[in-house]
Amino acid sequence: MSSTPQRTDPLTLEVVDLIATVVARYHEEYEEAAARHQLTGAQARLLALLSREPLPMRQIAQQLKCEPSNVTGIVDRLEARGLAERRTDPSDRRIKLAAATEEGRETAARLRGALSFARAPLAGLSEAERTSLRDLLKRMLA
């Protein structure tokens, strides 16, 4: 149970609804972009994670909030397409890391570039407004 009081005033509810709409639009566009690359949304999300850095399967499962066995299947499919590979962790050879290949990183970059729904509205905000929005979102996630 959270110790922060839950606000139910009209402004808070409106903000929650707007955030939900942004999230839904983002997921819809992400799924469409993934499909254009013959990927599922889960494969695209995993590829985006791996394009930043190689990760152990358990950590991937935690970040994607799914079972490690599901991650294994997703990595298998990405590996079969040449978008990911398994590597031994140099600091602990017992641990296998999943990593994006060069083609996987390029695909992840194209996917990210295809997500345009928020770019035009964000471009209409000043740098100070975008900075403020970023900082507020970070604060909400802290």
Protein backbone atom coordinates (compact mmCIF):
# COMPACT_ATOMS: atom_id res chain seq x y z
CA MET A 1 0.00 0.00 0.00
CA SER A 2 1.38 3.39 -0.97
CA SER A 3 1.87 6.01 1.73
CA THR A 4 1.17 8.79 -0.79
CA PRO A 5 -2.45 9.95 -0.70
CA GLN A 6 -4.45 9.12 -3.82
CA ARG A 7 -5.94 12.20 -5.44
CA THR A 8 -9.35 11.92 -7.03
CA ASP A 9 -9.96 15.58 -7.89
CA PRO A 10 -11.12 16.32 -11.47
CA LEU A 11 -7.75 17.70 -12.59
CA THR A 12 -5.85 14.61 -11.42
CA LEU A 13 -8.40 12.32 -13.08
CA GLU A 14 -8.12 14.29 -16.33
CA VAL A 15 -4.31 14.03 -16.25
CA VAL A 16 -4.55 10.27 -15.60
CA ASP A 17 -6.92 9.90 -18.58
CA LEU A 18 -4.58 11.91 -20.81
CA ILE A 19 -1.59 9.80 -19.78
CA ALA A 20 -3.61 6.64 -20.54
CA THR A 21 -4.47 8.00 -23.99
CA VAL A 22 -0.81 8.80 -24.73
CA VAL A 23 0.25 5.32 -23.59
CA ALA A 24 -2.45 3.65 -25.72
CA ARG A 25 -1.44 5.66 -28.81
CA TYR A 26 2.22 4.87 -28.21
CA HIS A 27 1.52 1.11 -27.93
CA GLU A 28 -0.68 1.17 -31.03
CA GLU A 29 1.99 2.90 -33.10
CA TYR A 30 4.73 0.68 -31.65
CA GLU A 31 2.81 -2.48 -32.61
CA GLU A 32 2.28 -1.12 -36.15
CA ALA A 33 5.97 -0.22 -36.52
CA ALA A 34 6.98 -3.66 -35.20
CA ALA A 35 4.65 -5.39 -37.67
CA ARG A 36 6.24 -3.46 -40.57
CA HIS A 37 9.51 -5.15 -39.54
CA GLN A 38 7.79 -8.55 -39.16
CA LEU A 39 8.20 -8.39 -35.39
CA THR A 40 5.75 -8.73 -32.55
CA GLY A 41 5.53 -5.91 -30.04
CA ALA A 42 7.35 -8.06 -27.47
CA GLN A 43 10.17 -8.81 -29.92
CA ALA A 44 10.49 -5.11 -30.74
CA ARG A 45 10.58 -4.11 -27.06
CA LEU A 46 13.22 -6.72 -26.32
CA LEU A 47 15.28 -5.63 -29.32
CA ALA A 48 15.08 -2.01 -28.09
CA LEU A 49 16.43 -3.12 -24.69
CA LEU A 50 19.22 -5.16 -26.23
CA SER A 51 20.23 -2.36 -28.58
CA ARG A 52 21.31 -0.35 -25.51
CA GLU A 53 23.40 -3.10 -23.89
CA PRO A 54 23.66 -6.89 -23.57
CA LEU A 55 21.54 -8.17 -20.68
CA PRO A 56 21.12 -11.42 -18.75
CA MET A 57 17.83 -13.21 -19.38
CA ARG A 58 16.63 -12.76 -15.79
CA GLN A 59 17.10 -8.99 -15.97
CA ILE A 60 15.27 -8.87 -19.32
CA ALA A 61 12.36 -10.77 -17.78
CA GLN A 62 12.23 -8.29 -14.89
CA GLN A 63 12.29 -5.27 -17.19
CA LEU A 64 9.64 -6.71 -19.53
CA LYS A 65 7.66 -8.05 -16.56
CA CYS A 66 7.37 -11.55 -17.94
CA GLU A 67 8.63 -15.05 -17.20
CA PRO A 68 12.23 -15.94 -18.10
CA SER A 69 10.93 -18.81 -20.27
CA ASN A 70 9.04 -16.26 -22.39
CA VAL A 71 12.25 -14.26 -22.82
CA THR A 72 14.06 -17.39 -23.99
CA GLY A 73 11.49 -17.90 -26.76
CA ILE A 74 11.62 -14.27 -27.85
CA VAL A 75 15.43 -14.30 -27.94
CA ASP A 76 15.31 -17.58 -29.91
CA ARG A 77 13.12 -15.94 -32.57
CA LEU A 78 15.28 -12.80 -32.74
CA GLU A 79 18.39 -14.97 -32.95
CA ALA A 80 16.89 -16.99 -35.81
CA ARG A 81 16.44 -13.73 -37.75
CA GLY A 82 19.99 -12.56 -37.04
CA LEU A 83 18.82 -9.68 -34.84
CA ALA A 84 20.17 -11.00 -31.51
CA GLU A 85 22.76 -13.38 -30.20
CA ARG A 86 23.70 -15.04 -26.95
CA ARG A 87 27.08 -14.29 -25.38
CA THR A 88 28.91 -15.41 -22.30
CA ASP A 89 29.14 -12.70 -19.64
CA PRO A 90 32.84 -11.76 -19.48
CA SER A 91 32.61 -11.14 -15.71
CA ASP A 92 30.84 -14.46 -14.96
CA ARG A 93 31.13 -17.16 -17.61
CA ARG A 94 28.17 -19.04 -16.08
CA ILE A 95 25.80 -16.27 -17.17
CA LYS A 96 24.50 -15.95 -20.72
CA LEU A 97 23.75 -12.48 -22.04
CA ALA A 98 21.41 -11.65 -24.87
CA ALA A 99 22.74 -8.93 -27.17
CA ALA A 100 21.55 -7.20 -30.32
CA THR A 101 23.60 -7.84 -33.44
CA GLU A 102 24.55 -4.94 -35.70
CA GLU A 103 21.45 -5.69 -37.81
CA GLY A 104 19.40 -5.80 -34.59
CA ARG A 105 20.67 -2.38 -33.50
CA GLU A 106 19.89 -0.95 -36.94
CA THR A 107 16.38 -2.43 -36.83
CA ALA A 108 15.81 -1.05 -33.33
CA ALA A 109 16.91 2.40 -34.53
CA ARG A 110 14.52 2.22 -37.51
CA LEU A 111 11.70 1.18 -35.16
CA ARG A 112 12.38 4.09 -32.83
CA GLY A 113 12.53 6.44 -35.80
CA ALA A 114 9.14 5.22 -36.99
CA LEU A 115 7.41 6.31 -33.76
CA SER A 116 6.23 9.72 -34.83
CA PHE A 117 2.88 10.36 -33.15
CA ALA A 118 4.36 12.53 -30.39
CA ARG A 119 7.04 14.27 -32.43
CA ALA A 120 4.81 16.91 -34.05
CA PRO A 121 3.05 17.88 -30.81
CA LEU A 122 6.38 17.94 -28.95
CA ALA A 123 7.93 20.07 -31.69
CA GLY A 124 5.20 22.63 -30.98
CA LEU A 125 6.49 23.02 -27.43
CA SER A 126 9.41 25.26 -26.57
CA GLU A 127 12.63 23.70 -25.32
CA ALA A 128 11.78 24.95 -21.82
CA GLU A 129 8.33 23.27 -22.02
CA ARG A 130 9.83 19.99 -23.25
CA THR A 131 12.43 20.14 -20.48
CA SER A 132 9.70 20.80 -17.93
CA LEU A 133 7.60 17.91 -19.28
CA ARG A 134 10.61 15.59 -19.18
CA ASP A 135 11.44 16.57 -15.63
CA LEU A 136 7.83 16.13 -14.48
CA LEU A 137 7.64 12.67 -16.09
CA LYS A 138 10.93 11.66 -14.45
CA ARG A 139 9.59 12.86 -11.10
CA MET A 140 6.43 10.81 -11.57
CA LEU A 141 8.52 7.71 -12.30
CA ALA A 142 10.91 8.17 -9.38
